[in-house]
Amino acid sequence: MQLEKKEKILYQNKPKNSVLVIWFFTKILWSTFLFAFLLFWGAGFFGGIYMAASDHDNDSNPFASVAPLFKILLPIFAILASVYNLFLIKTYNYYITNHRIIFEGGIIVRKKKNISFDKITDTSANQNIVEKFLGISSLEIFTAGTGSHIAEASFIGIEDAEKPQNIINRHLKSSRSRR
């Protein structure tokens, strides 16, 4: 990360590994379900086309040929999704400087978001029941261009969302009082 002149890091953090528990239920299981659906849909669709075009008995099941493949591919896909998300969360970095907020992360698509304080309209600290149990929370940063329900950046899986939120709010208050 490249800092500008007279820019100092006020807050730096990474998501805690416990966020993987939440990602397991929200991302890994969902993507595995989607993969299974597409695999079964493909087996039915292409199996039906194959059976209609060939001299096979129409009473045979097009899913029978994909069932062994399904038993192998689905666990492999779930493991690959888990490993990918484990490495993805380790690439996330959150910074608050005296000039801006910075989010960096990604494996396949590397993202770097810079949000200057004059663009920020609001912040929101969130903690659902699972995050409360795991001792983590999320901080969402909103700008005027993203609307009231879509965060421009999110600091997920941090232990204390109030600390960065207070830093941001202090800077927002001081920058607005100077205007």
N, C-alpha and C. Protein backbone atom coordinates (compact mmCIF):
# COMPACT_ATOMS: atom_id res chain seq x y z
N MET A 1 0.84 -1.17 0.00
CA MET A 1 0.00 0.00 0.00
C MET A 1 0.88 1.24 0.00
N GLN A 2 0.57 2.16 -0.86
CA GLN A 2 1.33 3.39 -1.00
C GLN A 2 0.60 4.52 -0.26
N LEU A 3 1.30 5.14 0.68
CA LEU A 3 0.72 6.27 1.41
C LEU A 3 1.11 7.58 0.74
N GLU A 4 0.21 8.54 0.84
CA GLU A 4 0.48 9.86 0.29
C GLU A 4 1.33 10.65 1.29
N LYS A 5 1.78 11.84 0.88
CA LYS A 5 2.54 12.70 1.77
C LYS A 5 1.67 13.08 2.97
N LYS A 6 2.25 13.08 4.14
CA LYS A 6 1.60 13.44 5.40
C LYS A 6 0.43 12.52 5.76
N GLU A 7 0.41 11.34 5.18
CA GLU A 7 -0.66 10.39 5.49
C GLU A 7 -0.13 9.38 6.50
N LYS A 8 -0.91 9.14 7.55
CA LYS A 8 -0.54 8.20 8.59
C LYS A 8 -1.64 7.16 8.76
N ILE A 9 -1.23 5.93 9.04
CA ILE A 9 -2.19 4.87 9.30
C ILE A 9 -2.69 5.01 10.74
N LEU A 10 -4.01 5.14 10.89
CA LEU A 10 -4.62 5.26 12.21
C LEU A 10 -5.19 3.92 12.70
N TYR A 11 -5.53 3.06 11.75
CA TYR A 11 -6.13 1.77 12.10
C TYR A 11 -5.77 0.78 10.99
N GLN A 12 -5.40 -0.42 11.41
CA GLN A 12 -5.06 -1.48 10.46
C GLN A 12 -5.57 -2.79 11.04
N ASN A 13 -6.23 -3.60 10.19
CA ASN A 13 -6.76 -4.86 10.69
C ASN A 13 -6.96 -5.84 9.54
N LYS A 14 -7.17 -7.09 9.90
CA LYS A 14 -7.49 -8.17 8.98
C LYS A 14 -8.65 -8.94 9.60
N PRO A 15 -9.43 -9.64 8.79
CA PRO A 15 -10.51 -10.45 9.37
C PRO A 15 -9.94 -11.59 10.22
N LYS A 16 -10.65 -11.92 11.26
CA LYS A 16 -10.27 -13.05 12.09
C LYS A 16 -10.67 -14.34 11.37
N ASN A 17 -9.97 -15.42 11.65
CA ASN A 17 -10.26 -16.70 10.99
C ASN A 17 -11.65 -17.23 11.33
N SER A 18 -12.23 -16.78 12.44
CA SER A 18 -13.55 -17.26 12.82
C SER A 18 -14.63 -16.84 11.82
N VAL A 19 -14.33 -15.86 10.95
CA VAL A 19 -15.29 -15.47 9.92
C VAL A 19 -15.50 -16.61 8.92
N LEU A 20 -14.58 -17.56 8.87
CA LEU A 20 -14.73 -18.70 7.97
C LEU A 20 -15.94 -19.55 8.35
N VAL A 21 -16.31 -19.57 9.63
CA VAL A 21 -17.50 -20.32 10.04
C VAL A 21 -18.73 -19.72 9.37
N ILE A 22 -18.82 -18.41 9.35
CA ILE A 22 -19.95 -17.73 8.70
C ILE A 22 -19.89 -17.95 7.19
N TRP A 23 -18.69 -17.84 6.62
CA TRP A 23 -18.54 -18.04 5.18
C TRP A 23 -18.91 -19.46 4.78
N PHE A 24 -18.66 -20.42 5.67
CA PHE A 24 -19.02 -21.80 5.36
C PHE A 24 -20.51 -21.91 5.11
N PHE A 25 -21.30 -21.29 5.98
CA PHE A 25 -22.75 -21.39 5.84
C PHE A 25 -23.30 -20.47 4.76
N THR A 26 -22.67 -19.35 4.50
CA THR A 26 -23.23 -18.41 3.53
C THR A 26 -22.65 -18.56 2.13
N LYS A 27 -21.41 -18.87 2.00
CA LYS A 27 -20.79 -18.93 0.68
C LYS A 27 -20.51 -20.36 0.22
N ILE A 28 -19.89 -21.15 1.06
CA ILE A 28 -19.45 -22.48 0.63
C ILE A 28 -20.65 -23.41 0.43
N LEU A 29 -21.57 -23.44 1.40
CA LEU A 29 -22.73 -24.31 1.25
C LEU A 29 -23.61 -23.85 0.10
N TRP A 30 -23.78 -22.54 -0.07
CA TRP A 30 -24.59 -22.02 -1.16
C TRP A 30 -23.98 -22.36 -2.52
N SER A 31 -22.68 -22.16 -2.66
CA SER A 31 -22.05 -22.46 -3.96
C SER A 31 -22.04 -23.96 -4.22
N THR A 32 -21.92 -24.79 -3.18
CA THR A 32 -21.97 -26.24 -3.36
C THR A 32 -23.38 -26.67 -3.79
N PHE A 33 -24.39 -26.07 -3.19
CA PHE A 33 -25.77 -26.35 -3.59
C PHE A 33 -25.99 -25.96 -5.05
N LEU A 34 -25.51 -24.79 -5.44
CA LEU A 34 -25.66 -24.33 -6.82
C LEU A 34 -24.94 -25.27 -7.78
N PHE A 35 -23.74 -25.70 -7.41
CA PHE A 35 -22.98 -26.65 -8.24
C PHE A 35 -23.76 -27.95 -8.40
N ALA A 36 -24.34 -28.46 -7.29
CA ALA A 36 -25.11 -29.71 -7.34
C ALA A 36 -26.33 -29.54 -8.24
N PHE A 37 -27.02 -28.41 -8.11
CA PHE A 37 -28.19 -28.15 -8.95
C PHE A 37 -27.80 -28.14 -10.43
N LEU A 38 -26.74 -27.43 -10.75
CA LEU A 38 -26.32 -27.35 -12.15
C LEU A 38 -25.87 -28.70 -12.68
N LEU A 39 -25.22 -29.49 -11.84
CA LEU A 39 -24.78 -30.82 -12.26
C LEU A 39 -25.98 -31.71 -12.55
N PHE A 40 -26.98 -31.70 -11.65
CA PHE A 40 -28.17 -32.51 -11.88
C PHE A 40 -28.98 -32.00 -13.07
N TRP A 41 -29.09 -30.68 -13.20
CA TRP A 41 -29.81 -30.12 -14.34
C TRP A 41 -29.11 -30.52 -15.65
N GLY A 42 -27.79 -30.39 -15.66
CA GLY A 42 -27.03 -30.77 -16.86
C GLY A 42 -27.19 -32.24 -17.19
N ALA A 43 -27.19 -33.09 -16.15
CA ALA A 43 -27.36 -34.52 -16.39
C ALA A 43 -28.72 -34.81 -16.98
N GLY A 44 -29.75 -34.17 -16.45
CA GLY A 44 -31.09 -34.40 -16.98
C GLY A 44 -31.25 -33.84 -18.38
N PHE A 45 -30.74 -32.64 -18.59
CA PHE A 45 -30.89 -31.98 -19.90
C PHE A 45 -30.09 -32.71 -20.98
N PHE A 46 -28.80 -32.87 -20.74
CA PHE A 46 -27.96 -33.49 -21.77
C PHE A 46 -28.19 -35.00 -21.85
N GLY A 47 -28.52 -35.61 -20.71
CA GLY A 47 -28.86 -37.03 -20.73
C GLY A 47 -30.13 -37.28 -21.52
N GLY A 48 -31.11 -36.37 -21.37
CA GLY A 48 -32.35 -36.50 -22.14
C GLY A 48 -32.11 -36.32 -23.63
N ILE A 49 -31.26 -35.35 -23.98
CA ILE A 49 -30.93 -35.14 -25.40
C ILE A 49 -30.21 -36.36 -25.96
N TYR A 50 -29.26 -36.89 -25.18
CA TYR A 50 -28.51 -38.07 -25.62
C TYR A 50 -29.44 -39.26 -25.83
N MET A 51 -30.36 -39.44 -24.90
CA MET A 51 -31.26 -40.59 -24.99
C MET A 51 -32.25 -40.43 -26.15
N ALA A 52 -32.67 -39.19 -26.40
CA ALA A 52 -33.60 -38.96 -27.51
C ALA A 52 -32.90 -39.16 -28.85
N ALA A 53 -31.64 -38.81 -28.92
CA ALA A 53 -30.90 -38.91 -30.18
C ALA A 53 -30.35 -40.31 -30.43
N SER A 54 -30.26 -41.12 -29.40
CA SER A 54 -29.67 -42.44 -29.57
C SER A 54 -30.76 -43.50 -29.57
N ASP A 55 -30.34 -44.74 -29.70
CA ASP A 55 -31.27 -45.86 -29.74
C ASP A 55 -31.50 -46.46 -28.36
N HIS A 56 -31.17 -45.72 -27.29
CA HIS A 56 -31.36 -46.24 -25.94
C HIS A 56 -32.84 -46.35 -25.60
N ASP A 57 -33.11 -47.22 -24.67
CA ASP A 57 -34.47 -47.40 -24.17
C ASP A 57 -34.91 -46.12 -23.45
N ASN A 58 -36.03 -45.58 -23.77
CA ASN A 58 -36.51 -44.33 -23.19
C ASN A 58 -36.86 -44.45 -21.71
N ASP A 59 -36.96 -45.69 -21.19
CA ASP A 59 -37.29 -45.87 -19.78
C ASP A 59 -36.07 -45.77 -18.88
N SER A 60 -34.86 -45.73 -19.43
CA SER A 60 -33.66 -45.65 -18.59
C SER A 60 -33.52 -44.24 -18.01
N ASN A 61 -32.85 -44.16 -16.92
CA ASN A 61 -32.72 -42.91 -16.17
C ASN A 61 -31.48 -42.15 -16.63
N PRO A 62 -31.63 -40.88 -17.09
CA PRO A 62 -30.45 -40.12 -17.52
C PRO A 62 -29.53 -39.74 -16.35
N PHE A 63 -30.06 -39.76 -15.12
CA PHE A 63 -29.25 -39.42 -13.94
C PHE A 63 -28.35 -40.57 -13.50
N ALA A 64 -28.66 -41.78 -13.93
CA ALA A 64 -27.88 -42.94 -13.51
C ALA A 64 -26.42 -42.84 -13.93
N SER A 65 -26.17 -42.23 -15.07
CA SER A 65 -24.79 -42.13 -15.54
C SER A 65 -24.00 -41.06 -14.80
N VAL A 66 -24.68 -40.07 -14.21
CA VAL A 66 -23.97 -38.98 -13.54
C VAL A 66 -23.87 -39.19 -12.02
N ALA A 67 -24.62 -40.13 -11.47
CA ALA A 67 -24.61 -40.34 -10.01
C ALA A 67 -23.22 -40.64 -9.46
N PRO A 68 -22.43 -41.53 -10.07
CA PRO A 68 -21.08 -41.76 -9.54
C PRO A 68 -20.19 -40.51 -9.67
N LEU A 69 -20.35 -39.80 -10.75
CA LEU A 69 -19.59 -38.56 -10.96
C LEU A 69 -19.98 -37.52 -9.91
N PHE A 70 -21.28 -37.45 -9.62
CA PHE A 70 -21.80 -36.51 -8.62
C PHE A 70 -21.20 -36.79 -7.24
N LYS A 71 -21.09 -38.05 -6.88
CA LYS A 71 -20.55 -38.44 -5.57
C LYS A 71 -19.08 -38.05 -5.43
N ILE A 72 -18.38 -37.95 -6.54
CA ILE A 72 -16.96 -37.58 -6.52
C ILE A 72 -16.80 -36.06 -6.63
N LEU A 73 -17.50 -35.43 -7.57
CA LEU A 73 -17.31 -34.01 -7.84
C LEU A 73 -17.82 -33.09 -6.75
N LEU A 74 -18.94 -33.44 -6.12
CA LEU A 74 -19.51 -32.56 -5.11
C LEU A 74 -18.59 -32.37 -3.89
N PRO A 75 -18.05 -33.43 -3.29
CA PRO A 75 -17.11 -33.21 -2.18
C PRO A 75 -15.83 -32.49 -2.62
N ILE A 76 -15.35 -32.78 -3.82
CA ILE A 76 -14.16 -32.08 -4.33
C ILE A 76 -14.44 -30.60 -4.47
N PHE A 77 -15.61 -30.27 -5.02
CA PHE A 77 -15.98 -28.86 -5.17
C PHE A 77 -16.10 -28.18 -3.81
N ALA A 78 -16.71 -28.84 -2.83
CA ALA A 78 -16.85 -28.26 -1.49
C ALA A 78 -15.48 -28.02 -0.85
N ILE A 79 -14.56 -28.94 -1.03
CA ILE A 79 -13.21 -28.77 -0.47
C ILE A 79 -12.49 -27.63 -1.18
N LEU A 80 -12.58 -27.57 -2.50
CA LEU A 80 -11.94 -26.47 -3.24
C LEU A 80 -12.51 -25.11 -2.85
N ALA A 81 -13.84 -25.03 -2.67
CA ALA A 81 -14.47 -23.79 -2.25
C ALA A 81 -14.00 -23.39 -0.86
N SER A 82 -13.85 -24.36 0.03
CA SER A 82 -13.36 -24.08 1.38
C SER A 82 -11.92 -23.57 1.37
N VAL A 83 -11.07 -24.21 0.60
CA VAL A 83 -9.66 -23.79 0.52
C VAL A 83 -9.56 -22.40 -0.11
N TYR A 84 -10.32 -22.16 -1.17
CA TYR A 84 -10.30 -20.85 -1.82
C TYR A 84 -10.71 -19.76 -0.82
N ASN A 85 -11.79 -19.98 -0.09
CA ASN A 85 -12.26 -18.97 0.86
C ASN A 85 -11.29 -18.79 2.02
N LEU A 86 -10.60 -19.84 2.42
CA LEU A 86 -9.58 -19.72 3.46
C LEU A 86 -8.46 -18.79 3.01
N PHE A 87 -7.99 -18.97 1.79
CA PHE A 87 -6.93 -18.10 1.28
C PHE A 87 -7.45 -16.71 0.93
N LEU A 88 -8.70 -16.61 0.49
CA LEU A 88 -9.28 -15.31 0.16
C LEU A 88 -9.35 -14.41 1.39
N ILE A 89 -9.82 -14.94 2.50
CA ILE A 89 -9.96 -14.12 3.71
C ILE A 89 -8.60 -13.65 4.22
N LYS A 90 -7.56 -14.41 3.94
CA LYS A 90 -6.22 -14.00 4.38
C LYS A 90 -5.64 -12.86 3.55
N THR A 91 -6.26 -12.57 2.38
CA THR A 91 -5.77 -11.47 1.55
C THR A 91 -6.41 -10.14 1.91
N TYR A 92 -7.47 -10.17 2.72
CA TYR A 92 -8.19 -8.93 3.06
C TYR A 92 -7.38 -8.11 4.06
N ASN A 93 -7.25 -6.83 3.77
CA ASN A 93 -6.59 -5.88 4.67
C ASN A 93 -7.44 -4.62 4.74
N TYR A 94 -7.60 -4.09 5.95
CA TYR A 94 -8.38 -2.88 6.16
C TYR A 94 -7.49 -1.82 6.79
N TYR A 95 -7.55 -0.61 6.24
CA TYR A 95 -6.77 0.50 6.75
C TYR A 95 -7.65 1.73 6.88
N ILE A 96 -7.39 2.51 7.91
CA ILE A 96 -7.95 3.85 8.02
C ILE A 96 -6.76 4.77 8.23
N THR A 97 -6.63 5.74 7.34
CA THR A 97 -5.56 6.73 7.48
C THR A 97 -6.21 8.06 7.84
N ASN A 98 -5.39 9.06 7.99
CA ASN A 98 -5.94 10.38 8.30
C ASN A 98 -6.55 11.04 7.06
N HIS A 99 -6.46 10.39 5.87
CA HIS A 99 -7.03 10.94 4.64
C HIS A 99 -8.14 10.09 4.04
N ARG A 100 -8.10 8.78 4.28
CA ARG A 100 -9.00 7.89 3.55
C ARG A 100 -9.15 6.54 4.25
N ILE A 101 -10.05 5.75 3.70
CA ILE A 101 -10.24 4.36 4.11
C ILE A 101 -9.82 3.49 2.94
N ILE A 102 -9.10 2.41 3.25
CA ILE A 102 -8.57 1.55 2.19
C ILE A 102 -8.96 0.10 2.48
N PHE A 103 -9.47 -0.56 1.45
CA PHE A 103 -9.72 -2.00 1.50
C PHE A 103 -8.90 -2.64 0.40
N GLU A 104 -8.18 -3.71 0.74
CA GLU A 104 -7.43 -4.48 -0.25
C GLU A 104 -7.75 -5.95 -0.06
N GLY A 105 -7.83 -6.68 -1.17
CA GLY A 105 -8.04 -8.11 -1.06
C GLY A 105 -8.43 -8.74 -2.37
N GLY A 106 -8.33 -10.06 -2.41
CA GLY A 106 -8.74 -10.82 -3.58
C GLY A 106 -7.64 -11.73 -4.08
N ILE A 107 -8.06 -12.82 -4.69
CA ILE A 107 -7.11 -13.78 -5.26
C ILE A 107 -7.20 -13.72 -6.79
N ILE A 108 -8.34 -14.06 -7.32
CA ILE A 108 -8.51 -14.05 -8.77
C ILE A 108 -8.66 -12.62 -9.26
N VAL A 109 -9.51 -11.86 -8.60
CA VAL A 109 -9.69 -10.45 -8.91
C VAL A 109 -9.22 -9.67 -7.69
N ARG A 110 -8.12 -8.98 -7.83
CA ARG A 110 -7.55 -8.19 -6.74
C ARG A 110 -8.23 -6.83 -6.71
N LYS A 111 -8.83 -6.50 -5.56
CA LYS A 111 -9.52 -5.22 -5.42
C LYS A 111 -8.77 -4.32 -4.45
N LYS A 112 -8.79 -3.05 -4.76
CA LYS A 112 -8.26 -2.03 -3.86
C LYS A 112 -9.21 -0.86 -3.93
N LYS A 113 -9.89 -0.60 -2.82
CA LYS A 113 -10.83 0.52 -2.76
C LYS A 113 -10.27 1.59 -1.86
N ASN A 114 -10.29 2.81 -2.35
CA ASN A 114 -9.90 3.99 -1.59
C ASN A 114 -11.13 4.88 -1.47
N ILE A 115 -11.50 5.19 -0.25
CA ILE A 115 -12.66 6.06 -0.02
C ILE A 115 -12.19 7.24 0.82
N SER A 116 -12.23 8.42 0.22
CA SER A 116 -11.82 9.60 0.98
C SER A 116 -12.95 9.99 1.95
N PHE A 117 -12.58 10.66 3.03
CA PHE A 117 -13.55 10.99 4.06
C PHE A 117 -14.66 11.91 3.57
N ASP A 118 -14.37 12.74 2.58
CA ASP A 118 -15.41 13.65 2.09
C ASP A 118 -16.50 12.92 1.30
N LYS A 119 -16.28 11.66 0.91
CA LYS A 119 -17.29 10.86 0.20
C LYS A 119 -18.18 10.06 1.15
N ILE A 120 -17.74 9.84 2.38
CA ILE A 120 -18.47 8.99 3.32
C ILE A 120 -19.68 9.73 3.87
N THR A 121 -20.82 9.04 3.85
CA THR A 121 -22.04 9.61 4.40
C THR A 121 -22.42 8.97 5.73
N ASP A 122 -22.09 7.69 5.92
CA ASP A 122 -22.50 7.00 7.14
C ASP A 122 -21.68 5.74 7.34
N THR A 123 -21.70 5.26 8.57
CA THR A 123 -21.09 3.97 8.91
C THR A 123 -22.10 3.17 9.71
N SER A 124 -21.95 1.86 9.67
CA SER A 124 -22.86 0.99 10.41
C SER A 124 -22.08 -0.21 10.93
N ALA A 125 -22.10 -0.40 12.25
CA ALA A 125 -21.48 -1.58 12.87
C ALA A 125 -22.57 -2.63 13.04
N ASN A 126 -22.32 -3.84 12.56
CA ASN A 126 -23.31 -4.92 12.60
C ASN A 126 -22.71 -6.15 13.27
N GLN A 127 -23.61 -6.90 13.92
CA GLN A 127 -23.20 -8.15 14.53
C GLN A 127 -24.43 -9.06 14.61
N ASN A 128 -24.47 -10.09 13.75
CA ASN A 128 -25.59 -11.02 13.83
C ASN A 128 -25.32 -12.02 14.96
N ILE A 129 -26.24 -12.94 15.16
CA ILE A 129 -26.13 -13.85 16.30
C ILE A 129 -24.91 -14.78 16.20
N VAL A 130 -24.59 -15.21 15.01
CA VAL A 130 -23.41 -16.08 14.82
C VAL A 130 -22.14 -15.27 15.09
N GLU A 131 -22.08 -14.04 14.57
CA GLU A 131 -20.91 -13.18 14.81
C GLU A 131 -20.76 -12.88 16.30
N LYS A 132 -21.89 -12.69 16.98
CA LYS A 132 -21.84 -12.44 18.42
C LYS A 132 -21.24 -13.63 19.16
N PHE A 133 -21.65 -14.82 18.77
CA PHE A 133 -21.13 -16.05 19.37
C PHE A 133 -19.62 -16.19 19.09
N LEU A 134 -19.18 -15.78 17.89
CA LEU A 134 -17.77 -15.91 17.51
C LEU A 134 -16.92 -14.73 17.99
N GLY A 135 -17.55 -13.67 18.50
CA GLY A 135 -16.81 -12.51 18.99
C GLY A 135 -16.28 -11.60 17.90
N ILE A 136 -16.96 -11.57 16.76
CA ILE A 136 -16.55 -10.70 15.66
C ILE A 136 -17.74 -9.84 15.23
N SER A 137 -17.47 -8.84 14.43
CA SER A 137 -18.52 -7.98 13.90
C SER A 137 -18.08 -7.43 12.56
N SER A 138 -18.94 -6.63 11.95
CA SER A 138 -18.65 -6.04 10.65
C SER A 138 -18.92 -4.54 10.71
N LEU A 139 -18.15 -3.81 9.92
CA LEU A 139 -18.34 -2.37 9.80
C LEU A 139 -18.58 -2.07 8.33
N GLU A 140 -19.70 -1.41 8.05
CA GLU A 140 -20.02 -1.03 6.68
C GLU A 140 -19.84 0.47 6.53
N ILE A 141 -19.27 0.88 5.39
CA ILE A 141 -19.01 2.28 5.11
C ILE A 141 -19.83 2.66 3.88
N PHE A 142 -20.67 3.68 4.03
CA PHE A 142 -21.58 4.10 2.97
C PHE A 142 -21.14 5.43 2.38
N THR A 143 -21.35 5.57 1.08
CA THR A 143 -21.11 6.83 0.38
C THR A 143 -22.40 7.23 -0.32
N ALA A 144 -22.45 8.47 -0.76
CA ALA A 144 -23.66 8.97 -1.42
C ALA A 144 -23.95 8.22 -2.72
N GLY A 145 -22.93 7.78 -3.41
CA GLY A 145 -23.11 7.15 -4.71
C GLY A 145 -23.62 5.72 -4.64
N THR A 146 -23.57 5.08 -3.49
CA THR A 146 -23.96 3.67 -3.41
C THR A 146 -25.36 3.46 -2.89
N GLY A 147 -26.03 4.48 -2.43
CA GLY A 147 -27.37 4.32 -1.88
C GLY A 147 -27.32 4.01 -0.40
N SER A 148 -28.49 3.92 0.19
CA SER A 148 -28.55 3.77 1.65
C SER A 148 -28.44 2.33 2.13
N HIS A 149 -28.57 1.34 1.23
CA HIS A 149 -28.55 -0.05 1.66
C HIS A 149 -27.34 -0.83 1.17
N ILE A 150 -26.53 -0.22 0.33
CA ILE A 150 -25.37 -0.92 -0.23
C ILE A 150 -24.10 -0.22 0.27
N ALA A 151 -23.26 -0.98 0.95
CA ALA A 151 -22.03 -0.42 1.49
C ALA A 151 -20.97 -0.30 0.39
N GLU A 152 -20.24 0.78 0.42
CA GLU A 152 -19.12 0.97 -0.51
C GLU A 152 -17.98 0.03 -0.13
N ALA A 153 -17.77 -0.16 1.16
CA ALA A 153 -16.75 -1.07 1.66
C ALA A 153 -17.23 -1.66 2.97
N SER A 154 -16.78 -2.88 3.25
CA SER A 154 -17.13 -3.55 4.50
C SER A 154 -15.87 -4.12 5.13
N PHE A 155 -15.75 -3.89 6.42
CA PHE A 155 -14.69 -4.51 7.21
C PHE A 155 -15.36 -5.68 7.91
N ILE A 156 -15.21 -6.88 7.37
CA ILE A 156 -15.88 -8.04 7.96
C ILE A 156 -14.93 -8.81 8.85
N GLY A 157 -15.49 -9.45 9.86
CA GLY A 157 -14.72 -10.33 10.72
C GLY A 157 -13.75 -9.64 11.65
N ILE A 158 -14.03 -8.41 12.09
CA ILE A 158 -13.14 -7.72 13.02
C ILE A 158 -13.69 -7.87 14.43
N GLU A 159 -12.79 -7.82 15.40
CA GLU A 159 -13.20 -8.05 16.78
C GLU A 159 -13.97 -6.88 17.37
N ASP A 160 -13.57 -5.66 17.07
CA ASP A 160 -14.19 -4.49 17.66
C ASP A 160 -14.49 -3.47 16.57
N ALA A 161 -15.73 -3.46 16.10
CA ALA A 161 -16.11 -2.55 15.02
C ALA A 161 -16.27 -1.11 15.52
N GLU A 162 -16.44 -0.94 16.81
CA GLU A 162 -16.62 0.42 17.34
C GLU A 162 -15.37 1.26 17.23
N LYS A 163 -14.20 0.64 17.37
CA LYS A 163 -12.96 1.41 17.30
C LYS A 163 -12.78 2.08 15.93
N PRO A 164 -12.81 1.32 14.82
CA PRO A 164 -12.68 2.00 13.52
C PRO A 164 -13.86 2.92 13.23
N GLN A 165 -15.05 2.56 13.69
CA GLN A 165 -16.21 3.42 13.47
C GLN A 165 -16.03 4.76 14.18
N ASN A 166 -15.49 4.75 15.39
CA ASN A 166 -15.24 6.00 16.12
C ASN A 166 -14.18 6.85 15.43
N ILE A 167 -13.14 6.20 14.90
CA ILE A 167 -12.10 6.93 14.17
C ILE A 167 -12.70 7.62 12.95
N ILE A 168 -13.51 6.89 12.20
CA ILE A 168 -14.15 7.46 11.00
C ILE A 168 -15.07 8.61 11.39
N ASN A 169 -15.91 8.38 12.40
CA ASN A 169 -16.86 9.42 12.81
C ASN A 169 -16.17 10.68 13.32
N ARG A 170 -15.06 10.53 14.02
CA ARG A 170 -14.28 11.70 14.46
C ARG A 170 -13.78 12.49 13.27
N HIS A 171 -13.25 11.79 12.27
CA HIS A 171 -12.75 12.47 11.06
C HIS A 171 -13.88 13.11 10.27
N LEU A 172 -15.02 12.45 10.20
CA LEU A 172 -16.17 13.04 9.51
C LEU A 172 -16.64 14.30 10.22
N LYS A 173 -16.70 14.23 11.53
CA LYS A 173 -17.15 15.39 12.31
C LYS A 173 -16.19 16.57 12.18
N SER A 174 -14.89 16.29 12.26
CA SER A 174 -13.92 17.37 12.15
C SER A 174 -13.86 17.95 10.74
N SER A 175 -14.01 17.10 9.70
CA SER A 175 -13.96 17.61 8.33
C SER A 175 -15.23 18.42 8.01
N ARG A 176 -16.36 18.06 8.59
CA ARG A 176 -17.59 18.81 8.35
C ARG A 176 -17.60 20.12 9.12
N SER A 177 -16.94 20.15 10.27
CA SER A 177 -16.91 21.39 11.05
C SER A 177 -15.97 22.42 10.41
N ARG A 178 -15.01 21.99 9.61
CA ARG A 178 -14.09 22.89 8.92
C ARG A 178 -14.74 23.57 7.72
N ARG A 179 -15.85 23.03 7.25
CA ARG A 179 -16.49 23.58 6.03
C ARG A 179 -17.26 24.82 6.31
